[in-house]
Amino acid sequence: GGPVYDPESGDGAATGYLTLRADGKLEV
């Protein structure tokens, strides 16, 4: 999906990916 926004840096990205790992953590 997207967009994705990081308020810490002020950077945004038009496209994003979310991946639920086997250990239950989420890669953004």
All heavy atoms as atom14 arrays in JSON, in Angstrom:
{
  "sequence": "GGPVYDPESGDGAATGYLTLRADGKLEV",
  "atom14_mask": [
    [1, 1, 1, 1, 0, 0, 0, 0, 0, 0, 0, 0, 0, 0],
    [1, 1, 1, 1, 0, 0, 0, 0, 0, 0, 0, 0, 0, 0],
    [1, 1, 1, 1, 1, 1, 1, 0, 0, 0, 0, 0, 0, 0],
    [1, 1, 1, 1, 1, 1, 1, 0, 0, 0, 0, 0, 0, 0],
    [1, 1, 1, 1, 1, 1, 1, 1, 1, 1, 1, 1, 0, 0],
    [1, 1, 1, 1, 1, 1, 1, 1, 0, 0, 0, 0, 0, 0],
    [1, 1, 1, 1, 1, 1, 1, 0, 0, 0, 0, 0, 0, 0],
    [1, 1, 1, 1, 1, 1, 1, 1, 1, 0, 0, 0, 0, 0],
    [1, 1, 1, 1, 1, 1, 0, 0, 0, 0, 0, 0, 0, 0],
    [1, 1, 1, 1, 0, 0, 0, 0, 0, 0, 0, 0, 0, 0],
    [1, 1, 1, 1, 1, 1, 1, 1, 0, 0, 0, 0, 0, 0],
    [1, 1, 1, 1, 0, 0, 0, 0, 0, 0, 0, 0, 0, 0],
    [1, 1, 1, 1, 1, 0, 0, 0, 0, 0, 0, 0, 0, 0],
    [1, 1, 1, 1, 1, 0, 0, 0, 0, 0, 0, 0, 0, 0],
    [1, 1, 1, 1, 1, 1, 1, 0, 0, 0, 0, 0, 0, 0],
    [1, 1, 1, 1, 0, 0, 0, 0, 0, 0, 0, 0, 0, 0],
    [1, 1, 1, 1, 1, 1, 1, 1, 1, 1, 1, 1, 0, 0],
    [1, 1, 1, 1, 1, 1, 1, 1, 0, 0, 0, 0, 0, 0],
    [1, 1, 1, 1, 1, 1, 1, 0, 0, 0, 0, 0, 0, 0],
    [1, 1, 1, 1, 1, 1, 1, 1, 0, 0, 0, 0, 0, 0],
    [1, 1, 1, 1, 1, 1, 1, 1, 1, 1, 1, 0, 0, 0],
    [1, 1, 1, 1, 1, 0, 0, 0, 0, 0, 0, 0, 0, 0],
    [1, 1, 1, 1, 1, 1, 1, 1, 0, 0, 0, 0, 0, 0],
    [1, 1, 1, 1, 0, 0, 0, 0, 0, 0, 0, 0, 0, 0],
    [1, 1, 1, 1, 1, 1, 1, 1, 1, 0, 0, 0, 0, 0],
    [1, 1, 1, 1, 1, 1, 1, 1, 0, 0, 0, 0, 0, 0],
    [1, 1, 1, 1, 1, 1, 1, 1, 1, 0, 0, 0, 0, 0],
    [1, 1, 1, 1, 1, 1, 1, 0, 0, 0, 0, 0, 0, 0]
  ],
  "atom14_positions": [
    [[0.83, -1.2, 0.0], [0.0, 0.0, 0.0], [0.85, 1.24, 0.0], [1.98, 1.23, -0.46], [0.0, 0.0, 0.0], [0.0, 0.0, 0.0], [0.0, 0.0, 0.0], [0.0, 0.0, 0.0], [0.0, 0.0, 0.0], [0.0, 0.0, 0.0], [0.0, 0.0, 0.0], [0.0, 0.0, 0.0], [0.0, 0.0, 0.0], [0.0, 0.0, 0.0]],
    [[0.29, 2.26, 0.53], [1.02, 3.51, 0.62], [0.07, 4.66, 0.43], [-1.06, 4.48, -0.03], [0.0, 0.0, 0.0], [0.0, 0.0, 0.0], [0.0, 0.0, 0.0], [0.0, 0.0, 0.0], [0.0, 0.0, 0.0], [0.0, 0.0, 0.0], [0.0, 0.0, 0.0], [0.0, 0.0, 0.0], [0.0, 0.0, 0.0], [0.0, 0.0, 0.0]],
    [[0.48, 5.79, 0.85], [1.82, 6.15, 1.29], [2.13, 5.72, 2.73], [1.26, 5.36, 3.49], [1.83, 7.67, 1.17], [0.41, 8.07, 1.36], [-0.41, 6.94, 0.79], [0.0, 0.0, 0.0], [0.0, 0.0, 0.0], [0.0, 0.0, 0.0], [0.0, 0.0, 0.0], [0.0, 0.0, 0.0], [0.0, 0.0, 0.0], [0.0, 0.0, 0.0]],
    [[3.43, 5.81, 3.05], [3.96, 5.55, 4.38], [4.67, 6.85, 4.8], [5.33, 7.48, 3.98], [5.0, 4.4, 4.34], [5.61, 4.17, 5.7], [4.37, 3.14, 3.8], [0.0, 0.0, 0.0], [0.0, 0.0, 0.0], [0.0, 0.0, 0.0], [0.0, 0.0, 0.0], [0.0, 0.0, 0.0], [0.0, 0.0, 0.0], [0.0, 0.0, 0.0]],
    [[4.52, 7.21, 6.08], [5.14, 8.45, 6.55], [5.87, 8.22, 7.86], [5.36, 7.55, 8.76], [4.07, 9.54, 6.73], [4.62, 10.84, 7.25], [5.51, 11.59, 6.48], [4.29, 11.3, 8.51], [6.04, 12.78, 6.96], [4.81, 12.49, 9.0], [5.69, 13.21, 8.21], [6.22, 14.39, 8.7], [0.0, 0.0, 0.0], [0.0, 0.0, 0.0]],
    [[7.08, 8.78, 7.98], [7.88, 8.69, 9.2], [7.99, 10.09, 9.81], [8.75, 10.92, 9.31], [9.27, 8.14, 8.87], [10.17, 8.06, 10.09], [9.7, 8.36, 11.22], [11.35, 7.69, 9.93], [0.0, 0.0, 0.0], [0.0, 0.0, 0.0], [0.0, 0.0, 0.0], [0.0, 0.0, 0.0], [0.0, 0.0, 0.0], [0.0, 0.0, 0.0]],
    [[7.24, 10.36, 10.88], [7.27, 11.69, 11.47], [8.6, 12.03, 12.16], [8.89, 13.2, 12.37], [6.12, 11.67, 12.47], [5.93, 10.23, 12.79], [6.31, 9.47, 11.55], [0.0, 0.0, 0.0], [0.0, 0.0, 0.0], [0.0, 0.0, 0.0], [0.0, 0.0, 0.0], [0.0, 0.0, 0.0], [0.0, 0.0, 0.0], [0.0, 0.0, 0.0]],
    [[9.4, 11.02, 12.51], [10.71, 11.3, 13.14], [11.63, 12.03, 12.17], [12.36, 12.93, 12.56], [11.38, 10.0, 13.56], [10.77, 9.38, 14.79], [11.49, 8.11, 15.17], [12.73, 8.12, 15.22], [10.81, 7.11, 15.4], [0.0, 0.0, 0.0], [0.0, 0.0, 0.0], [0.0, 0.0, 0.0], [0.0, 0.0, 0.0], [0.0, 0.0, 0.0]],
    [[11.61, 11.61, 10.9], [12.49, 12.22, 9.91], [11.76, 13.22, 9.01], [12.39, 14.04, 8.37], [13.1, 11.12, 9.03], [12.09, 10.49, 8.27], [0.0, 0.0, 0.0], [0.0, 0.0, 0.0], [0.0, 0.0, 0.0], [0.0, 0.0, 0.0], [0.0, 0.0, 0.0], [0.0, 0.0, 0.0], [0.0, 0.0, 0.0], [0.0, 0.0, 0.0]],
    [[10.42, 13.11, 8.95], [9.65, 13.95, 8.04], [9.62, 13.38, 6.63], [9.11, 14.02, 5.72], [0.0, 0.0, 0.0], [0.0, 0.0, 0.0], [0.0, 0.0, 0.0], [0.0, 0.0, 0.0], [0.0, 0.0, 0.0], [0.0, 0.0, 0.0], [0.0, 0.0, 0.0], [0.0, 0.0, 0.0], [0.0, 0.0, 0.0], [0.0, 0.0, 0.0]],
    [[10.16, 12.18, 6.46], [10.2, 11.54, 5.13], [8.95, 10.69, 4.9], [8.44, 10.06, 5.82], [11.42, 10.62, 5.01], [12.71, 11.38, 4.91], [12.67, 12.56, 4.47], [13.76, 10.82, 5.28], [0.0, 0.0, 0.0], [0.0, 0.0, 0.0], [0.0, 0.0, 0.0], [0.0, 0.0, 0.0], [0.0, 0.0, 0.0], [0.0, 0.0, 0.0]],
    [[8.54, 10.67, 3.67], [7.43, 9.82, 3.26], [7.84, 8.97, 2.09], [8.83, 9.25, 1.41], [0.0, 0.0, 0.0], [0.0, 0.0, 0.0], [0.0, 0.0, 0.0], [0.0, 0.0, 0.0], [0.0, 0.0, 0.0], [0.0, 0.0, 0.0], [0.0, 0.0, 0.0], [0.0, 0.0, 0.0], [0.0, 0.0, 0.0], [0.0, 0.0, 0.0]],
    [[7.09, 7.92, 1.86], [7.33, 7.04, 0.73], [5.99, 6.73, 0.09], [5.0, 6.49, 0.78], [8.01, 5.76, 1.19], [0.0, 0.0, 0.0], [0.0, 0.0, 0.0], [0.0, 0.0, 0.0], [0.0, 0.0, 0.0], [0.0, 0.0, 0.0], [0.0, 0.0, 0.0], [0.0, 0.0, 0.0], [0.0, 0.0, 0.0], [0.0, 0.0, 0.0]],
    [[5.96, 6.75, -1.24], [4.72, 6.51, -1.96], [4.25, 5.07, -1.82], [3.05, 4.8, -1.8], [4.9, 6.86, -3.43], [0.0, 0.0, 0.0], [0.0, 0.0, 0.0], [0.0, 0.0, 0.0], [0.0, 0.0, 0.0], [0.0, 0.0, 0.0], [0.0, 0.0, 0.0], [0.0, 0.0, 0.0], [0.0, 0.0, 0.0], [0.0, 0.0, 0.0]],
    [[5.19, 4.13, -1.72], [4.85, 2.72, -1.67], [5.38, 2.09, -0.39], [6.49, 2.41, 0.05], [5.47, 1.96, -2.87], [5.04, 2.61, -4.06], [5.03, 0.52, -2.9], [0.0, 0.0, 0.0], [0.0, 0.0, 0.0], [0.0, 0.0, 0.0], [0.0, 0.0, 0.0], [0.0, 0.0, 0.0], [0.0, 0.0, 0.0], [0.0, 0.0, 0.0]],
    [[4.6, 1.2, 0.18], [5.02, 0.52, 1.39], [4.65, -0.95, 1.37], [3.77, -1.38, 0.62], [0.0, 0.0, 0.0], [0.0, 0.0, 0.0], [0.0, 0.0, 0.0], [0.0, 0.0, 0.0], [0.0, 0.0, 0.0], [0.0, 0.0, 0.0], [0.0, 0.0, 0.0], [0.0, 0.0, 0.0], [0.0, 0.0, 0.0], [0.0, 0.0, 0.0]],
    [[5.35, -1.7, 2.21], [5.11, -3.13, 2.35], [5.09, -3.47, 3.82], [5.94, -3.0, 4.58], [6.23, -3.93, 1.66], [6.36, -3.61, 0.2], [7.21, -2.58, -0.22], [5.63, -4.29, -0.76], [7.33, -2.25, -1.56], [5.75, -3.98, -2.11], [6.6, -2.95, -2.5], [6.71, -2.62, -3.82], [0.0, 0.0, 0.0], [0.0, 0.0, 0.0]],
    [[4.15, -4.28, 4.23], [4.07, -4.78, 5.59], [4.21, -6.29, 5.51], [3.51, -6.94, 4.73], [2.72, -4.43, 6.23], [2.34, -2.95, 6.25], [0.93, -2.77, 6.8], [3.34, -2.15, 7.06], [0.0, 0.0, 0.0], [0.0, 0.0, 0.0], [0.0, 0.0, 0.0], [0.0, 0.0, 0.0], [0.0, 0.0, 0.0], [0.0, 0.0, 0.0]],
    [[5.14, -6.85, 6.3], [5.36, -8.29, 6.29], [5.32, -8.8, 7.72], [6.11, -8.38, 8.57], [6.73, -8.64, 5.66], [6.79, -8.09, 4.35], [6.92, -10.14, 5.6], [0.0, 0.0, 0.0], [0.0, 0.0, 0.0], [0.0, 0.0, 0.0], [0.0, 0.0, 0.0], [0.0, 0.0, 0.0], [0.0, 0.0, 0.0], [0.0, 0.0, 0.0]],
    [[4.38, -9.71, 8.0], [4.27, -10.33, 9.31], [5.23, -11.51, 9.34], [5.07, -12.47, 8.6], [2.84, -10.78, 9.58], [2.55, -11.34, 10.96], [2.87, -10.31, 12.05], [1.1, -11.78, 11.06], [0.0, 0.0, 0.0], [0.0, 0.0, 0.0], [0.0, 0.0, 0.0], [0.0, 0.0, 0.0], [0.0, 0.0, 0.0], [0.0, 0.0, 0.0]],
    [[6.25, -11.41, 10.18], [7.27, -12.46, 10.26], [6.78, -13.63, 11.1], [5.81, -13.51, 11.87], [8.56, -11.9, 10.87], [9.15, -10.78, 10.07], [10.46, -10.26, 10.55], [10.81, -10.49, 11.94], [11.81, -9.89, 12.56], [12.56, -9.01, 11.93], [12.07, -10.14, 13.83], [0.0, 0.0, 0.0], [0.0, 0.0, 0.0], [0.0, 0.0, 0.0]],
    [[7.47, -14.76, 10.98], [7.11, -15.97, 11.73], [7.2, -15.75, 13.24], [6.46, -16.36, 14.0], [8.01, -17.13, 11.3], [0.0, 0.0, 0.0], [0.0, 0.0, 0.0], [0.0, 0.0, 0.0], [0.0, 0.0, 0.0], [0.0, 0.0, 0.0], [0.0, 0.0, 0.0], [0.0, 0.0, 0.0], [0.0, 0.0, 0.0], [0.0, 0.0, 0.0]],
    [[8.08, -14.83, 13.68], [8.22, -14.56, 15.11], [7.18, -13.57, 15.63], [7.21, -13.16, 16.78], [9.64, -14.08, 15.44], [9.99, -12.74, 14.81], [9.14, -12.14, 14.11], [11.14, -12.28, 15.01], [0.0, 0.0, 0.0], [0.0, 0.0, 0.0], [0.0, 0.0, 0.0], [0.0, 0.0, 0.0], [0.0, 0.0, 0.0], [0.0, 0.0, 0.0]],
    [[6.23, -13.16, 14.76], [5.16, -12.27, 15.17], [5.48, -10.79, 15.04], [4.63, -9.94, 15.29], [0.0, 0.0, 0.0], [0.0, 0.0, 0.0], [0.0, 0.0, 0.0], [0.0, 0.0, 0.0], [0.0, 0.0, 0.0], [0.0, 0.0, 0.0], [0.0, 0.0, 0.0], [0.0, 0.0, 0.0], [0.0, 0.0, 0.0], [0.0, 0.0, 0.0]],
    [[6.71, -10.46, 14.66], [7.08, -9.05, 14.47], [6.64, -8.6, 13.08], [6.44, -9.42, 12.18], [8.57, -8.86, 14.67], [8.95, -9.13, 16.12], [10.35, -8.75, 16.43], [10.59, -9.01, 17.91], [11.79, -8.38, 18.37], [0.0, 0.0, 0.0], [0.0, 0.0, 0.0], [0.0, 0.0, 0.0], [0.0, 0.0, 0.0], [0.0, 0.0, 0.0]],
    [[6.49, -7.3, 12.91], [6.03, -6.73, 11.66], [7.13, -5.89, 11.03], [7.64, -4.97, 11.66], [4.8, -5.86, 11.91], [4.1, -5.29, 10.68], [3.48, -6.41, 9.85], [3.03, -4.29, 11.1], [0.0, 0.0, 0.0], [0.0, 0.0, 0.0], [0.0, 0.0, 0.0], [0.0, 0.0, 0.0], [0.0, 0.0, 0.0], [0.0, 0.0, 0.0]],
    [[7.5, -6.21, 9.8], [8.45, -5.4, 9.05], [7.66, -4.36, 8.27], [6.76, -4.69, 7.51], [9.28, -6.26, 8.1], [10.27, -7.12, 8.81], [11.16, -7.91, 7.87], [10.98, -7.84, 6.63], [12.05, -8.61, 8.38], [0.0, 0.0, 0.0], [0.0, 0.0, 0.0], [0.0, 0.0, 0.0], [0.0, 0.0, 0.0], [0.0, 0.0, 0.0]],
    [[8.01, -3.11, 8.48], [7.36, -1.97, 7.81], [8.41, -1.37, 6.88], [9.42, -0.85, 7.34], [6.86, -0.94, 8.84], [6.22, 0.24, 8.14], [5.92, -1.59, 9.84], [0.0, 0.0, 0.0], [0.0, 0.0, 0.0], [0.0, 0.0, 0.0], [0.0, 0.0, 0.0], [0.0, 0.0, 0.0], [0.0, 0.0, 0.0], [0.0, 0.0, 0.0]]
  ]
}
